[in-house]
Amino acid sequence: MLRHVVWDWNGTLVDDVKLCVDILNDILNCHGKNKISLSAYKNTFFFPVAKFYGSIGLPSSGPKYEELAEYYISQYRSRFKECKLHHMALNIVEKLKKMGISQSILSAGEQNDLEQFTSYYGINNWISHIDGANNIEAKGKRDRVGKHFSKLNLNANEVLFVGDTLHDLEIARLVDCRALLFEHGHFDKERLCKVPAQTIRCLTEVIEGVHD
């Protein structure tokens, strides 16, 4: 029986892909690089972000990368209110809570930012704990998923991970949990479907996943 849902934040609960691409294109322009389309971004983005930047010709280490990361997060912090939660996100989180299913967020984003963003959207009222990184480099979640899972004190078959990238599938598998991958986040649907994984078109399908 399912007892807990571990949510990803960016692209899964909050619809921030367009904002992320806008900021990335500002950075590309400043470095004399061609802009990237939304479609191209969703077909190429991956974690850790530094390696993704390197793949598109941007600094991926050292002071220049640190400067780039600082610029990116400063822009995101100043503009995040442009984003909305995905359709029915808050309703689903509320419904799961009322069903007696606890929830947490495991994100590649920085902890203080994550707490601020989730508070702004009211998501934090329904979440047992929020687990972000201690840096702004969006390295991923591999190094924290084990600790996050151990906090739950549950068996793997009692926990469901919901995310929008193949990285979310990877970390769910690291702790032998099932994952649902949302098709309208930072990865293109066709890209998600190239691996054996269960995808969902709408977050309301998470409720169905609870009963599978």
Protein backbone atom coordinates (compact mmCIF):
# COMPACT_ATOMS: atom_id res chain seq x y z
CA MET A 1 0.00 0.00 0.00
CA LEU A 2 1.31 3.44 -0.92
CA ARG A 3 1.94 5.70 2.06
CA HIS A 4 4.18 8.50 0.74
CA VAL A 5 4.83 10.55 -2.41
CA VAL A 6 8.21 12.19 -3.05
CA TRP A 7 7.74 15.13 -5.41
CA ASP A 8 10.26 16.86 -7.60
CA TRP A 9 9.74 20.64 -7.65
CA ASN A 10 10.97 22.36 -10.82
CA GLY A 11 8.96 21.32 -13.85
CA THR A 12 6.84 18.87 -11.87
CA LEU A 13 4.81 20.91 -9.41
CA VAL A 14 5.79 24.35 -10.72
CA ASP A 15 5.66 25.14 -14.44
CA ASP A 16 8.95 27.01 -14.80
CA VAL A 17 10.40 25.61 -18.03
CA LYS A 18 9.77 28.75 -20.09
CA LEU A 19 11.36 30.96 -17.44
CA CYS A 20 14.40 28.68 -17.27
CA VAL A 21 14.83 28.82 -21.05
CA ASP A 22 14.42 32.61 -21.05
CA ILE A 23 17.20 33.02 -18.49
CA LEU A 24 19.40 30.49 -20.27
CA ASN A 25 19.00 32.40 -23.52
CA ASP A 26 20.06 35.61 -21.79
CA ILE A 27 23.22 33.80 -20.70
CA LEU A 28 23.82 32.34 -24.16
CA ASN A 29 23.42 35.79 -25.70
CA CYS A 30 25.93 37.28 -23.26
CA HIS A 31 28.43 34.60 -24.29
CA GLY A 32 27.87 35.16 -28.01
CA LYS A 33 26.04 31.86 -28.47
CA ASN A 34 22.88 31.11 -30.42
CA LYS A 35 19.64 30.94 -28.48
CA ILE A 36 18.08 27.58 -27.71
CA SER A 37 14.44 26.87 -28.49
CA LEU A 38 12.07 25.45 -25.90
CA SER A 39 11.87 22.22 -27.89
CA ALA A 40 15.65 21.89 -28.21
CA TYR A 41 16.07 22.56 -24.50
CA LYS A 42 13.60 19.83 -23.55
CA ASN A 43 15.39 17.42 -25.86
CA THR A 44 18.89 18.12 -24.52
CA PHE A 45 18.74 19.29 -20.89
CA PHE A 46 20.26 16.98 -18.28
CA PHE A 47 21.83 16.88 -14.81
CA PRO A 48 24.23 17.96 -13.52
CA VAL A 49 23.55 21.40 -14.94
CA ALA A 50 27.26 22.25 -15.21
CA LYS A 51 27.77 19.43 -17.71
CA PHE A 52 24.70 20.53 -19.66
CA TYR A 53 26.12 24.04 -19.86
CA GLY A 54 29.39 22.62 -21.14
CA SER A 55 27.52 20.70 -23.84
CA ILE A 56 26.07 23.95 -25.23
CA GLY A 57 29.32 25.88 -25.13
CA LEU A 58 29.03 27.64 -21.76
CA PRO A 59 31.54 27.61 -18.87
CA SER A 60 31.10 24.44 -16.83
CA SER A 61 33.65 24.86 -14.04
CA GLY A 62 35.73 27.39 -12.15
CA PRO A 63 35.00 31.07 -11.46
CA LYS A 64 33.27 31.65 -14.80
CA TYR A 65 30.78 28.88 -14.10
CA GLU A 66 30.21 30.13 -10.56
CA GLU A 67 29.51 33.61 -11.94
CA LEU A 68 27.08 32.11 -14.45
CA ALA A 69 25.29 30.12 -11.73
CA GLU A 70 24.97 33.23 -9.55
CA TYR A 71 23.49 35.21 -12.44
CA TYR A 72 21.04 32.44 -13.27
CA ILE A 73 19.68 32.06 -9.74
CA SER A 74 19.51 35.83 -9.18
CA GLN A 75 17.34 36.12 -12.29
CA TYR A 76 15.21 33.16 -11.27
CA ARG A 77 14.68 34.57 -7.77
CA SER A 78 13.57 37.92 -9.16
CA ARG A 79 11.20 36.39 -11.72
CA PHE A 80 9.86 33.16 -10.21
CA LYS A 81 6.45 34.72 -9.56
CA GLU A 82 5.93 34.73 -13.33
CA CYS A 83 5.45 30.97 -13.04
CA LYS A 84 2.32 29.12 -12.02
CA LEU A 85 1.84 25.71 -10.52
CA HIS A 86 0.97 23.03 -13.03
CA HIS A 87 -2.75 22.41 -13.54
CA MET A 88 -4.33 20.82 -10.45
CA ALA A 89 -0.99 20.60 -8.60
CA LEU A 90 -2.24 22.16 -5.37
CA ASN A 91 -5.50 20.21 -5.51
CA ILE A 92 -3.63 16.92 -5.89
CA VAL A 93 -1.28 17.67 -3.01
CA GLU A 94 -4.24 18.58 -0.81
CA LYS A 95 -6.18 15.48 -1.81
CA LEU A 96 -3.26 13.15 -1.11
CA LYS A 97 -2.86 14.66 2.33
CA LYS A 98 -6.55 14.16 3.06
CA MET A 99 -6.22 10.55 1.89
CA GLY A 100 -3.64 10.03 4.62
CA ILE A 101 -0.68 9.91 2.25
CA SER A 102 2.29 11.95 3.44
CA GLN A 103 4.41 13.90 0.97
CA SER A 104 7.85 15.42 0.67
CA ILE A 105 9.85 17.36 -1.90
CA LEU A 106 13.33 16.34 -3.03
CA SER A 107 14.85 18.96 -5.31
CA ALA A 108 18.14 19.90 -6.96
CA GLY A 109 17.37 23.49 -5.98
CA GLU A 110 18.93 25.27 -3.02
CA GLN A 111 17.20 24.73 0.34
CA ASN A 112 16.38 28.34 1.25
CA ASP A 113 15.12 29.05 -2.26
CA LEU A 114 12.98 25.94 -2.19
CA GLU A 115 11.41 26.91 1.12
CA GLN A 116 10.64 30.41 -0.17
CA PHE A 117 9.16 29.19 -3.46
CA THR A 118 6.99 26.47 -1.93
CA SER A 119 5.76 28.89 0.73
CA TYR A 120 4.77 31.44 -1.92
CA TYR A 121 2.62 28.87 -3.74
CA GLY A 122 1.18 27.39 -0.53
CA ILE A 123 2.52 23.92 -1.27
CA ASN A 124 4.52 23.76 1.97
CA ASN A 125 1.30 23.55 4.00
CA TRP A 126 0.76 20.00 2.74
CA ILE A 127 4.33 18.71 2.73
CA SER A 128 6.00 16.89 5.64
CA HIS A 129 9.53 17.95 4.74
CA ILE A 130 11.35 19.82 1.99
CA ASP A 131 14.81 18.67 0.97
CA GLY A 132 16.94 21.02 -1.13
CA ALA A 133 20.66 21.29 -1.85
CA ASN A 134 23.23 23.32 0.11
CA ASN A 135 24.39 25.07 -3.09
CA ILE A 136 22.99 26.75 -6.20
CA GLU A 137 24.72 24.52 -8.75
CA ALA A 138 21.83 22.10 -9.42
CA LYS A 139 24.11 19.08 -9.41
CA GLY A 140 21.22 16.68 -8.98
CA LYS A 141 19.89 14.53 -6.16
CA ARG A 142 21.95 11.33 -6.20
CA ASP A 143 23.91 12.29 -3.08
CA ARG A 144 20.77 13.05 -1.04
CA VAL A 145 18.16 10.52 -2.08
CA GLY A 146 19.36 7.83 0.35
CA LYS A 147 19.18 10.15 3.34
CA HIS A 148 15.82 11.49 2.21
CA PHE A 149 14.41 7.99 1.85
CA SER A 150 15.73 6.91 5.26
CA LYS A 151 13.86 9.80 6.90
CA LEU A 152 10.59 8.33 5.67
CA ASN A 153 11.08 5.10 7.63
CA LEU A 154 9.02 3.25 5.02
CA ASN A 155 9.50 0.30 2.70
CA ALA A 156 10.31 0.97 -0.95
CA ASN A 157 6.95 -0.37 -2.13
CA GLU A 158 5.21 2.21 0.06
CA VAL A 159 6.86 5.21 -1.65
CA LEU A 160 6.20 6.77 -5.07
CA PHE A 161 8.51 9.29 -6.74
CA VAL A 162 6.99 11.85 -9.13
CA GLY A 163 9.29 13.88 -11.39
CA ASP A 164 9.78 15.17 -14.92
CA THR A 165 13.28 14.01 -15.93
CA LEU A 166 15.20 10.78 -16.37
CA HIS A 167 17.23 11.88 -13.36
CA ASP A 168 14.07 11.49 -11.26
CA LEU A 169 13.69 7.95 -12.56
CA GLU A 170 17.34 7.27 -11.76
CA ILE A 171 17.09 8.39 -8.14
CA ALA A 172 13.86 6.45 -7.59
CA ARG A 173 15.62 3.32 -8.81
CA LEU A 174 18.53 3.97 -6.45
CA VAL A 175 16.17 3.31 -3.55
CA ASP A 176 14.10 0.67 -5.41
CA CYS A 177 10.98 2.84 -5.58
CA ARG A 178 8.43 3.26 -8.35
CA ALA A 179 8.40 6.51 -10.34
CA LEU A 180 5.91 8.45 -12.44
CA LEU A 181 7.36 10.87 -14.99
CA PHE A 182 5.35 13.97 -15.88
CA GLU A 183 5.33 14.75 -19.60
CA HIS A 184 5.07 18.55 -19.35
CA GLY A 185 8.26 19.43 -17.49
CA HIS A 186 11.91 19.88 -18.46
CA PHE A 187 12.09 16.73 -20.62
CA ASP A 188 10.21 16.12 -23.84
CA LYS A 189 7.60 13.35 -23.80
CA GLU A 190 9.32 11.35 -26.54
CA ARG A 191 12.57 11.48 -24.61
CA LEU A 192 10.90 10.08 -21.50
CA CYS A 193 9.25 7.33 -23.52
CA LYS A 194 12.58 6.01 -24.80
CA VAL A 195 13.15 4.27 -21.46
CA PRO A 196 10.92 1.76 -19.66
CA ALA A 197 9.11 4.17 -17.37
CA GLN A 198 5.52 5.10 -16.61
CA THR A 199 4.64 8.59 -17.81
CA ILE A 200 1.66 10.78 -16.96
CA ARG A 201 0.03 13.58 -18.96
CA CYS A 202 -1.67 15.25 -16.00
CA LEU A 203 -0.83 15.36 -12.31
CA THR A 204 -4.30 14.02 -11.53
CA GLU A 205 -2.95 10.65 -12.69
CA VAL A 206 -0.85 10.54 -9.52
CA ILE A 207 -4.06 9.71 -7.65
CA GLU A 208 -4.53 6.73 -9.97
CA GLY A 209 -0.91 5.76 -9.38
CA VAL A 210 -1.60 5.63 -5.66
CA HIS A 211 -4.04 2.78 -6.21
CA ASP A 212 -1.91 0.78 -8.69
